[in-house]
Amino acid sequence: MNVAELLTHVQGLTAIAIGIIIGLGALGACLGIAIMGSKFLESAARQPELVPLLQGRMFLLAGLIDAAFIIGLAVALLFAFSNPLLAAVQAAAGH
């Protein structure tokens, strides 16, 4: 396998990895926020006097859940635009 084929192979596998990172990250964030929202509604129905306290905590957790997805998105964009794997393959090939 020559260097051009190897670089093409690395680019293809990187594209698949980017799709998996973004897809699973979005799925996890959506499920996390959905479960958190349902638990918030359950607790608000049981004890309405705690809604202001629970609402603040719910928004804090929503931000943390979204932050994890955004970090994964940043890693995926790093691989999409300045792929360190391609640089490593080119360095190993002596280019």
PDB file of N, CA and C in Angstrom:
ATOM      1  N   MET A   1       0.850  -1.172   0.000  1.00  0.00           N
ATOM      2  CA  MET A   1       0.000   0.000   0.000  1.00  0.00           C
ATOM      3  C   MET A   1       0.897   1.237   0.000  1.00  0.00           C
ATOM      4  N   ASN A   2       0.734   2.066  -1.005  1.00  0.00           N
ATOM      5  CA  ASN A   2       1.577   3.253  -1.074  1.00  0.00           C
ATOM      6  C   ASN A   2       1.006   4.355  -0.176  1.00  0.00           C
ATOM      7  N   VAL A   3       1.718   5.447  -0.124  1.00  0.00           N
ATOM      8  CA  VAL A   3       1.374   6.534   0.805  1.00  0.00           C
ATOM      9  C   VAL A   3       0.045   7.182   0.423  1.00  0.00           C
ATOM     10  N   ALA A   4      -0.213   7.360  -0.860  1.00  0.00           N
ATOM     11  CA  ALA A   4      -1.461   7.999  -1.289  1.00  0.00           C
ATOM     12  C   ALA A   4      -2.669   7.162  -0.889  1.00  0.00           C
ATOM     13  N   GLU A   5      -2.573   5.837  -1.072  1.00  0.00           N
ATOM     14  CA  GLU A   5      -3.668   4.960  -0.667  1.00  0.00           C
ATOM     15  C   GLU A   5      -3.855   4.971   0.844  1.00  0.00           C
ATOM     16  N   LEU A   6      -2.751   5.017   1.571  1.00  0.00           N
ATOM     17  CA  LEU A   6      -2.833   5.052   3.025  1.00  0.00           C
ATOM     18  C   LEU A   6      -3.468   6.347   3.522  1.00  0.00           C
ATOM     19  N   LEU A   7      -3.103   7.468   2.899  1.00  0.00           N
ATOM     20  CA  LEU A   7      -3.709   8.752   3.272  1.00  0.00           C
ATOM     21  C   LEU A   7      -5.203   8.761   2.964  1.00  0.00           C
ATOM     22  N   THR A   8      -5.588   8.199   1.827  1.00  0.00           N
ATOM     23  CA  THR A   8      -7.005   8.116   1.474  1.00  0.00           C
ATOM     24  C   THR A   8      -7.759   7.240   2.459  1.00  0.00           C
ATOM     25  N   HIS A   9      -7.157   6.155   2.861  1.00  0.00           N
ATOM     26  CA  HIS A   9      -7.764   5.241   3.834  1.00  0.00           C
ATOM     27  C   HIS A   9      -7.946   5.931   5.187  1.00  0.00           C
ATOM     28  N   VAL A  10      -6.931   6.662   5.618  1.00  0.00           N
ATOM     29  CA  VAL A  10      -7.021   7.391   6.895  1.00  0.00           C
ATOM     30  C   VAL A  10      -8.108   8.462   6.816  1.00  0.00           C
ATOM     31  N   GLN A  11      -8.217   9.154   5.693  1.00  0.00           N
ATOM     32  CA  GLN A  11      -9.258  10.174   5.538  1.00  0.00           C
ATOM     33  C   GLN A  11     -10.654   9.550   5.574  1.00  0.00           C
ATOM     34  N   GLY A  12     -10.827   8.409   4.946  1.00  0.00           N
ATOM     35  CA  GLY A  12     -12.123   7.736   4.951  1.00  0.00           C
ATOM     36  C   GLY A  12     -12.529   7.273   6.340  1.00  0.00           C
ATOM     37  N   LEU A  13     -11.580   6.660   7.049  1.00  0.00           N
ATOM     38  CA  LEU A  13     -11.877   6.214   8.403  1.00  0.00           C
ATOM     39  C   LEU A  13     -12.099   7.384   9.353  1.00  0.00           C
ATOM     40  N   THR A  14     -11.414   8.492   9.102  1.00  0.00           N
ATOM     41  CA  THR A  14     -11.635   9.690   9.910  1.00  0.00           C
ATOM     42  C   THR A  14     -13.038  10.230   9.696  1.00  0.00           C
ATOM     43  N   ALA A  15     -13.524  10.214   8.466  1.00  0.00           N
ATOM     44  CA  ALA A  15     -14.887  10.676   8.192  1.00  0.00           C
ATOM     45  C   ALA A  15     -15.912   9.805   8.905  1.00  0.00           C
ATOM     46  N   ILE A  16     -15.701   8.503   8.918  1.00  0.00           N
ATOM     47  CA  ILE A  16     -16.603   7.604   9.650  1.00  0.00           C
ATOM     48  C   ILE A  16     -16.546   7.895  11.143  1.00  0.00           C
ATOM     49  N   ALA A  17     -15.352   8.107  11.668  1.00  0.00           N
ATOM     50  CA  ALA A  17     -15.207   8.405  13.098  1.00  0.00           C
ATOM     51  C   ALA A  17     -15.879   9.719  13.471  1.00  0.00           C
ATOM     52  N   ILE A  18     -15.789  10.718  12.604  1.00  0.00           N
ATOM     53  CA  ILE A  18     -16.440  12.005  12.859  1.00  0.00           C
ATOM     54  C   ILE A  18     -17.949  11.817  12.938  1.00  0.00           C
ATOM     55  N   GLY A  19     -18.501  11.045  12.029  1.00  0.00           N
ATOM     56  CA  GLY A  19     -19.937  10.771  12.058  1.00  0.00           C
ATOM     57  C   GLY A  19     -20.362  10.051  13.321  1.00  0.00           C
ATOM     58  N   ILE A  20     -19.557   9.106  13.772  1.00  0.00           N
ATOM     59  CA  ILE A  20     -19.883   8.378  14.994  1.00  0.00           C
ATOM     60  C   ILE A  20     -19.786   9.292  16.215  1.00  0.00           C
ATOM     61  N   ILE A  21     -18.750  10.112  16.279  1.00  0.00           N
ATOM     62  CA  ILE A  21     -18.584  11.024  17.420  1.00  0.00           C
ATOM     63  C   ILE A  21     -19.768  11.985  17.517  1.00  0.00           C
ATOM     64  N   ILE A  22     -20.133  12.604  16.403  1.00  0.00           N
ATOM     65  CA  ILE A  22     -21.228  13.576  16.425  1.00  0.00           C
ATOM     66  C   ILE A  22     -22.563  12.879  16.653  1.00  0.00           C
ATOM     67  N   GLY A  23     -22.793  11.760  15.985  1.00  0.00           N
ATOM     68  CA  GLY A  23     -24.066  11.052  16.117  1.00  0.00           C
ATOM     69  C   GLY A  23     -24.315  10.525  17.511  1.00  0.00           C
ATOM     70  N   LEU A  24     -23.339   9.841  18.078  1.00  0.00           N
ATOM     71  CA  LEU A  24     -23.527   9.299  19.420  1.00  0.00           C
ATOM     72  C   LEU A  24     -23.547  10.399  20.474  1.00  0.00           C
ATOM     73  N   GLY A  25     -22.788  11.460  20.251  1.00  0.00           N
ATOM     74  CA  GLY A  25     -22.820  12.584  21.185  1.00  0.00           C
ATOM     75  C   GLY A  25     -24.177  13.263  21.199  1.00  0.00           C
ATOM     76  N   ALA A  26     -24.758  13.460  20.011  1.00  0.00           N
ATOM     77  CA  ALA A  26     -26.087  14.077  19.930  1.00  0.00           C
ATOM     78  C   ALA A  26     -27.142  13.169  20.538  1.00  0.00           C
ATOM     79  N   LEU A  27     -27.044  11.885  20.275  1.00  0.00           N
ATOM     80  CA  LEU A  27     -28.001  10.932  20.850  1.00  0.00           C
ATOM     81  C   LEU A  27     -27.914  10.920  22.369  1.00  0.00           C
ATOM     82  N   GLY A  28     -26.707  10.899  22.892  1.00  0.00           N
ATOM     83  CA  GLY A  28     -26.532  10.903  24.346  1.00  0.00           C
ATOM     84  C   GLY A  28     -27.041  12.182  24.987  1.00  0.00           C
ATOM     85  N   ALA A  29     -26.765  13.315  24.357  1.00  0.00           N
ATOM     86  CA  ALA A  29     -27.241  14.591  24.902  1.00  0.00           C
ATOM     87  C   ALA A  29     -28.760  14.657  24.866  1.00  0.00           C
ATOM     88  N   CYS A  30     -29.358  14.207  23.782  1.00  0.00           N
ATOM     89  CA  CYS A  30     -30.830  14.226  23.691  1.00  0.00           C
ATOM     90  C   CYS A  30     -31.464  13.316  24.734  1.00  0.00           C
ATOM     91  N   LEU A  31     -30.930  12.117  24.894  1.00  0.00           N
ATOM     92  CA  LEU A  31     -31.486  11.209  25.898  1.00  0.00           C
ATOM     93  C   LEU A  31     -31.282  11.750  27.307  1.00  0.00           C
ATOM     94  N   GLY A  32     -30.124  12.335  27.569  1.00  0.00           N
ATOM     95  CA  GLY A  32     -29.855  12.889  28.892  1.00  0.00           C
ATOM     96  C   GLY A  32     -30.791  14.033  29.241  1.00  0.00           C
ATOM     97  N   ILE A  33     -31.007  14.929  28.307  1.00  0.00           N
ATOM     98  CA  ILE A  33     -31.898  16.055  28.565  1.00  0.00           C
ATOM     99  C   ILE A  33     -33.346  15.577  28.663  1.00  0.00           C
ATOM    100  N   ALA A  34     -33.728  14.590  27.874  1.00  0.00           N
ATOM    101  CA  ALA A  34     -35.098  14.069  27.948  1.00  0.00           C
ATOM    102  C   ALA A  34     -35.368  13.402  29.291  1.00  0.00           C
ATOM    103  N   ILE A  35     -34.438  12.599  29.769  1.00  0.00           N
ATOM    104  CA  ILE A  35     -34.610  11.949  31.069  1.00  0.00           C
ATOM    105  C   ILE A  35     -34.615  12.982  32.184  1.00  0.00           C
ATOM    106  N   MET A  36     -33.725  13.960  32.100  1.00  0.00           N
ATOM    107  CA  MET A  36     -33.682  15.000  33.126  1.00  0.00           C
ATOM    108  C   MET A  36     -34.979  15.811  33.132  1.00  0.00           C
ATOM    109  N   GLY A  37     -35.504  16.141  31.969  1.00  0.00           N
ATOM    110  CA  GLY A  37     -36.748  16.893  31.888  1.00  0.00           C
ATOM    111  C   GLY A  37     -37.925  16.123  32.441  1.00  0.00           C
ATOM    112  N   SER A  38     -37.970  14.816  32.156  1.00  0.00           N
ATOM    113  CA  SER A  38     -39.081  14.020  32.698  1.00  0.00           C
ATOM    114  C   SER A  38     -39.001  13.915  34.209  1.00  0.00           C
ATOM    115  N   LYS A  39     -37.807  13.772  34.741  1.00  0.00           N
ATOM    116  CA  LYS A  39     -37.658  13.709  36.199  1.00  0.00           C
ATOM    117  C   LYS A  39     -37.983  15.051  36.843  1.00  0.00           C
ATOM    118  N   PHE A  40     -37.657  16.154  36.150  1.00  0.00           N
ATOM    119  CA  PHE A  40     -38.016  17.473  36.664  1.00  0.00           C
ATOM    120  C   PHE A  40     -39.530  17.630  36.733  1.00  0.00           C
ATOM    121  N   LEU A  41     -40.231  17.206  35.674  1.00  0.00           N
ATOM    122  CA  LEU A  41     -41.686  17.324  35.674  1.00  0.00           C
ATOM    123  C   LEU A  41     -42.325  16.441  36.744  1.00  0.00           C
ATOM    124  N   GLU A  42     -41.765  15.253  36.953  1.00  0.00           N
ATOM    125  CA  GLU A  42     -42.273  14.379  38.023  1.00  0.00           C
ATOM    126  C   GLU A  42     -42.105  15.034  39.382  1.00  0.00           C
ATOM    127  N   SER A  43     -40.922  15.566  39.637  1.00  0.00           N
ATOM    128  CA  SER A  43     -40.665  16.175  40.944  1.00  0.00           C
ATOM    129  C   SER A  43     -41.454  17.466  41.127  1.00  0.00           C
ATOM    130  N   ALA A  44     -41.678  18.222  40.049  1.00  0.00           N
ATOM    131  CA  ALA A  44     -42.480  19.440  40.144  1.00  0.00           C
ATOM    132  C   ALA A  44     -43.945  19.104  40.423  1.00  0.00           C
ATOM    133  N   ALA A  45     -44.417  17.987  39.887  1.00  0.00           N
ATOM    134  CA  ALA A  45     -45.800  17.592  40.147  1.00  0.00           C
ATOM    135  C   ALA A  45     -45.973  17.107  41.586  1.00  0.00           C
ATOM    136  N   ARG A  46     -44.936  16.488  42.121  1.00  0.00           N
ATOM    137  CA  ARG A  46     -45.031  15.980  43.493  1.00  0.00           C
ATOM    138  C   ARG A  46     -44.896  17.083  44.534  1.00  0.00           C
ATOM    139  N   GLN A  47     -43.967  18.010  44.295  1.00  0.00           N
ATOM    140  CA  GLN A  47     -43.724  19.091  45.257  1.00  0.00           C
ATOM    141  C   GLN A  47     -43.603  20.419  44.511  1.00  0.00           C
ATOM    142  N   PRO A  48     -44.723  21.068  44.249  1.00  0.00           N
ATOM    143  CA  PRO A  48     -44.683  22.312  43.479  1.00  0.00           C
ATOM    144  C   PRO A  48     -43.927  23.442  44.162  1.00  0.00           C
ATOM    145  N   GLU A  49     -43.799  23.387  45.460  1.00  0.00           N
ATOM    146  CA  GLU A  49     -43.088  24.460  46.166  1.00  0.00           C
ATOM    147  C   GLU A  49     -41.581  24.436  45.903  1.00  0.00           C
ATOM    148  N   LEU A  50     -41.065  23.346  45.397  1.00  0.00           N
ATOM    149  CA  LEU A  50     -39.623  23.239  45.108  1.00  0.00           C
ATOM    150  C   LEU A  50     -39.273  23.572  43.653  1.00  0.00           C
ATOM    151  N   VAL A  51     -40.240  23.998  42.862  1.00  0.00           N
ATOM    152  CA  VAL A  51     -40.000  24.252  41.443  1.00  0.00           C
ATOM    153  C   VAL A  51     -38.883  25.276  41.206  1.00  0.00           C
ATOM    154  N   PRO A  52     -38.837  26.421  41.913  1.00  0.00           N
ATOM    155  CA  PRO A  52     -37.739  27.372  41.633  1.00  0.00           C
ATOM    156  C   PRO A  52     -36.352  26.781  41.900  1.00  0.00           C
ATOM    157  N   LEU A  53     -36.211  26.010  42.957  1.00  0.00           N
ATOM    158  CA  LEU A  53     -34.921  25.382  43.273  1.00  0.00           C
ATOM    159  C   LEU A  53     -34.567  24.332  42.218  1.00  0.00           C
ATOM    160  N   LEU A  54     -35.535  23.503  41.885  1.00  0.00           N
ATOM    161  CA  LEU A  54     -35.282  22.434  40.916  1.00  0.00           C
ATOM    162  C   LEU A  54     -35.043  22.983  39.514  1.00  0.00           C
ATOM    163  N   GLN A  55     -35.707  24.083  39.183  1.00  0.00           N
ATOM    164  CA  GLN A  55     -35.549  24.651  37.848  1.00  0.00           C
ATOM    165  C   GLN A  55     -34.137  25.175  37.625  1.00  0.00           C
ATOM    166  N   GLY A  56     -33.575  25.817  38.627  1.00  0.00           N
ATOM    167  CA  GLY A  56     -32.197  26.291  38.504  1.00  0.00           C
ATOM    168  C   GLY A  56     -31.213  25.151  38.329  1.00  0.00           C
ATOM    169  N   ARG A  57     -31.423  24.096  39.089  1.00  0.00           N
ATOM    170  CA  ARG A  57     -30.534  22.926  38.966  1.00  0.00           C
ATOM    171  C   ARG A  57     -30.718  22.215  37.634  1.00  0.00           C
ATOM    172  N   MET A  58     -31.955  22.200  37.140  1.00  0.00           N
ATOM    173  CA  MET A  58     -32.204  21.560  35.852  1.00  0.00           C
ATOM    174  C   MET A  58     -31.462  22.297  34.732  1.00  0.00           C
ATOM    175  N   PHE A  59     -31.506  23.638  34.747  1.00  0.00           N
ATOM    176  CA  PHE A  59     -30.810  24.395  33.705  1.00  0.00           C
ATOM    177  C   PHE A  59     -29.290  24.245  33.820  1.00  0.00           C
ATOM    178  N   LEU A  60     -28.773  24.146  35.026  1.00  0.00           N
ATOM    179  CA  LEU A  60     -27.343  23.900  35.208  1.00  0.00           C
ATOM    180  C   LEU A  60     -26.949  22.555  34.606  1.00  0.00           C
ATOM    181  N   LEU A  61     -27.732  21.527  34.888  1.00  0.00           N
ATOM    182  CA  LEU A  61     -27.432  20.210  34.328  1.00  0.00           C
ATOM    183  C   LEU A  61     -27.605  20.179  32.811  1.00  0.00           C
ATOM    184  N   ALA A  62     -28.577  20.913  32.298  1.00  0.00           N
ATOM    185  CA  ALA A  62     -28.749  20.965  30.841  1.00  0.00           C
ATOM    186  C   ALA A  62     -27.509  21.576  30.183  1.00  0.00           C
ATOM    187  N   GLY A  63     -26.945  22.597  30.807  1.00  0.00           N
ATOM    188  CA  GLY A  63     -25.723  23.199  30.283  1.00  0.00           C
ATOM    189  C   GLY A  63     -24.542  22.238  30.328  1.00  0.00           C
ATOM    190  N   LEU A  64     -24.443  21.464  31.401  1.00  0.00           N
ATOM    191  CA  LEU A  64     -23.348  20.498  31.503  1.00  0.00           C
ATOM    192  C   LEU A  64     -23.500  19.364  30.488  1.00  0.00           C
ATOM    193  N   ILE A  65     -24.732  18.916  30.280  1.00  0.00           N
ATOM    194  CA  ILE A  65     -24.965  17.861  29.290  1.00  0.00           C
ATOM    195  C   ILE A  65     -24.616  18.371  27.895  1.00  0.00           C
ATOM    196  N   ASP A  66     -25.046  19.581  27.571  1.00  0.00           N
ATOM    197  CA  ASP A  66     -24.721  20.151  26.265  1.00  0.00           C
ATOM    198  C   ASP A  66     -23.228  20.432  26.121  1.00  0.00           C
ATOM    199  N   ALA A  67     -22.571  20.770  27.207  1.00  0.00           N
ATOM    200  CA  ALA A  67     -21.130  21.030  27.143  1.00  0.00           C
ATOM    201  C   ALA A  67     -20.370  19.777  26.727  1.00  0.00           C
ATOM    202  N   ALA A  68     -20.789  18.627  27.220  1.00  0.00           N
ATOM    203  CA  ALA A  68     -20.119  17.381  26.835  1.00  0.00           C
ATOM    204  C   ALA A  68     -20.273  17.131  25.334  1.00  0.00           C
ATOM    205  N   PHE A  69     -21.454  17.396  24.803  1.00  0.00           N
ATOM    206  CA  PHE A  69     -21.660  17.233  23.357  1.00  0.00           C
ATOM    207  C   PHE A  69     -20.833  18.236  22.564  1.00  0.00           C
ATOM    208  N   ILE A  70     -20.757  19.466  23.031  1.00  0.00           N
ATOM    209  CA  ILE A  70     -20.009  20.495  22.307  1.00  0.00           C
ATOM    210  C   ILE A  70     -18.508  20.187  22.317  1.00  0.00           C
ATOM    211  N   ILE A  71     -18.004  19.611  23.402  1.00  0.00           N
ATOM    212  CA  ILE A  71     -16.597  19.194  23.439  1.00  0.00           C
ATOM    213  C   ILE A  71     -16.350  18.090  22.404  1.00  0.00           C
ATOM    214  N   GLY A  72     -17.274  17.138  22.324  1.00  0.00           N
ATOM    215  CA  GLY A  72     -17.155  16.088  21.306  1.00  0.00           C
ATOM    216  C   GLY A  72     -17.215  16.659  19.901  1.00  0.00           C
ATOM    217  N   LEU A  73     -18.066  17.655  19.697  1.00  0.00           N
ATOM    218  CA  LEU A  73     -18.160  18.324  18.396  1.00  0.00           C
ATOM    219  C   LEU A  73     -16.852  19.031  18.055  1.00  0.00           C
ATOM    220  N   ALA A  74     -16.224  19.661  19.051  1.00  0.00           N
ATOM    221  CA  ALA A  74     -14.940  20.334  18.814  1.00  0.00           C
ATOM    222  C   ALA A  74     -13.852  19.330  18.426  1.00  0.00           C
ATOM    223  N   VAL A  75     -13.844  18.181  19.073  1.00  0.00           N
ATOM    224  CA  VAL A  75     -12.862  17.146  18.718  1.00  0.00           C
ATOM    225  C   VAL A  75     -13.116  16.654  17.296  1.00  0.00           C
ATOM    226  N   ALA A  76     -14.385  16.471  16.942  1.00  0.00           N
ATOM    227  CA  ALA A  76     -14.713  16.030  15.582  1.00  0.00           C
ATOM    228  C   ALA A  76     -14.287  17.065  14.548  1.00  0.00           C
ATOM    229  N   LEU A  77     -14.500  18.343  14.850  1.00  0.00           N
ATOM    230  CA  LEU A  77     -14.074  19.389  13.920  1.00  0.00           C
ATOM    231  C   LEU A  77     -12.555  19.464  13.816  1.00  0.00           C
ATOM    232  N   LEU A  78     -11.854  19.177  14.910  1.00  0.00           N
ATOM    233  CA  LEU A  78     -10.389  19.113  14.845  1.00  0.00           C
ATOM    234  C   LEU A  78      -9.946  18.043  13.860  1.00  0.00           C
ATOM    235  N   PHE A  79     -10.573  16.875  13.954  1.00  0.00           N
ATOM    236  CA  PHE A  79     -10.214  15.803  13.032  1.00  0.00           C
ATOM    237  C   PHE A  79     -10.643  16.115  11.601  1.00  0.00           C
ATOM    238  N   ALA A  80     -11.703  16.892  11.445  1.00  0.00           N
ATOM    239  CA  ALA A  80     -12.185  17.195  10.093  1.00  0.00           C
ATOM    240  C   ALA A  80     -11.280  18.195   9.377  1.00  0.00           C
ATOM    241  N   PHE A  81     -10.790  19.199  10.094  1.00  0.00           N
ATOM    242  CA  PHE A  81     -10.086  20.291   9.421  1.00  0.00           C
ATOM    243  C   PHE A  81      -8.571  20.276   9.577  1.00  0.00           C
ATOM    244  N   SER A  82      -8.058  19.769  10.668  1.00  0.00           N
ATOM    245  CA  SER A  82      -6.596  19.660  10.796  1.00  0.00           C
ATOM    246  C   SER A  82      -6.285  18.312  11.415  1.00  0.00           C
ATOM    247  N   ASN A  83      -6.381  17.310  10.588  1.00  0.00           N
ATOM    248  CA  ASN A  83      -6.274  15.934  11.051  1.00  0.00           C
ATOM    249  C   ASN A  83      -4.844  15.604  11.479  1.00  0.00           C
ATOM    250  N   PRO A  84      -4.615  15.376  12.791  1.00  0.00           N
ATOM    251  CA  PRO A  84      -3.264  15.018  13.232  1.00  0.00           C
ATOM    252  C   PRO A  84      -2.846  13.623  12.777  1.00  0.00           C
ATOM    253  N   LEU A  85      -3.802  12.780  12.425  1.00  0.00           N
ATOM    254  CA  LEU A  85      -3.462  11.438  11.960  1.00  0.00           C
ATOM    255  C   LEU A  85      -2.794  11.481  10.587  1.00  0.00           C
ATOM    256  N   LEU A  86      -3.256  12.385   9.734  1.00  0.00           N
ATOM    257  CA  LEU A  86      -2.627  12.520   8.414  1.00  0.00           C
ATOM    258  C   LEU A  86      -1.187  13.001   8.533  1.00  0.00           C
ATOM    259  N   ALA A  87      -0.949  13.927   9.452  1.00  0.00           N
ATOM    260  CA  ALA A  87       0.409  14.425   9.667  1.00  0.00           C
ATOM    261  C   ALA A  87       1.324  13.300  10.163  1.00  0.00           C
ATOM    262  N   ALA A  88       0.794  12.449  11.015  1.00  0.00           N
ATOM    263  CA  ALA A  88       1.602  11.338  11.529  1.00  0.00           C
ATOM    264  C   ALA A  88       1.929  10.337  10.411  1.00  0.00           C
ATOM    265  N   VAL A  89       0.972  10.074   9.532  1.00  0.00           N
ATOM    266  CA  VAL A  89       1.227   9.153   8.419  1.00  0.00           C
ATOM    267  C   VAL A  89       2.239   9.745   7.454  1.00  0.00           C
ATOM    268  N   GLN A  90       2.107  11.036   7.164  1.00  0.00           N
ATOM    269  CA  GLN A  90       3.064  11.682   6.264  1.00  0.00           C
ATOM    270  C   GLN A  90       4.461  11.728   6.868  1.00  0.00           C
ATOM    271  N   ALA A  91       4.555  11.942   8.177  1.00  0.00           N
ATOM    272  CA  ALA A  91       5.867  11.960   8.840  1.00  0.00           C
ATOM    273  C   ALA A  91       6.499  10.576   8.827  1.00  0.00           C
ATOM    274  N   ALA A  92       5.682   9.555   9.006  1.00  0.00           N
ATOM    275  CA  ALA A  92       6.210   8.189   8.996  1.00  0.00           C
ATOM    276  C   ALA A  92       6.658   7.787   7.594  1.00  0.00           C
ATOM    277  N   ALA A  93       6.001   8.325   6.584  1.00  0.00           N
ATOM    278  CA  ALA A  93       6.366   8.002   5.204  1.00  0.00           C
ATOM    279  C   ALA A  93       7.581   8.788   4.741  1.00  0.00           C
ATOM    280  N   GLY A  94       7.939   9.836   5.481  1.00  0.00           N
ATOM    281  CA  GLY A  94       9.123  10.613   5.130  1.00  0.00           C
ATOM    282  C   GLY A  94       8.845  11.739   4.168  1.00  0.00           C
ATOM    283  N   HIS A  95       7.649  12.265   4.160  1.00  0.00           N
ATOM    284  CA  HIS A  95       7.303  13.383   3.242  1.00  0.00           C
ATOM    285  C   HIS A  95       7.450  14.663   3.952  1.00  0.00           C
TER     286      HIS A  95
END
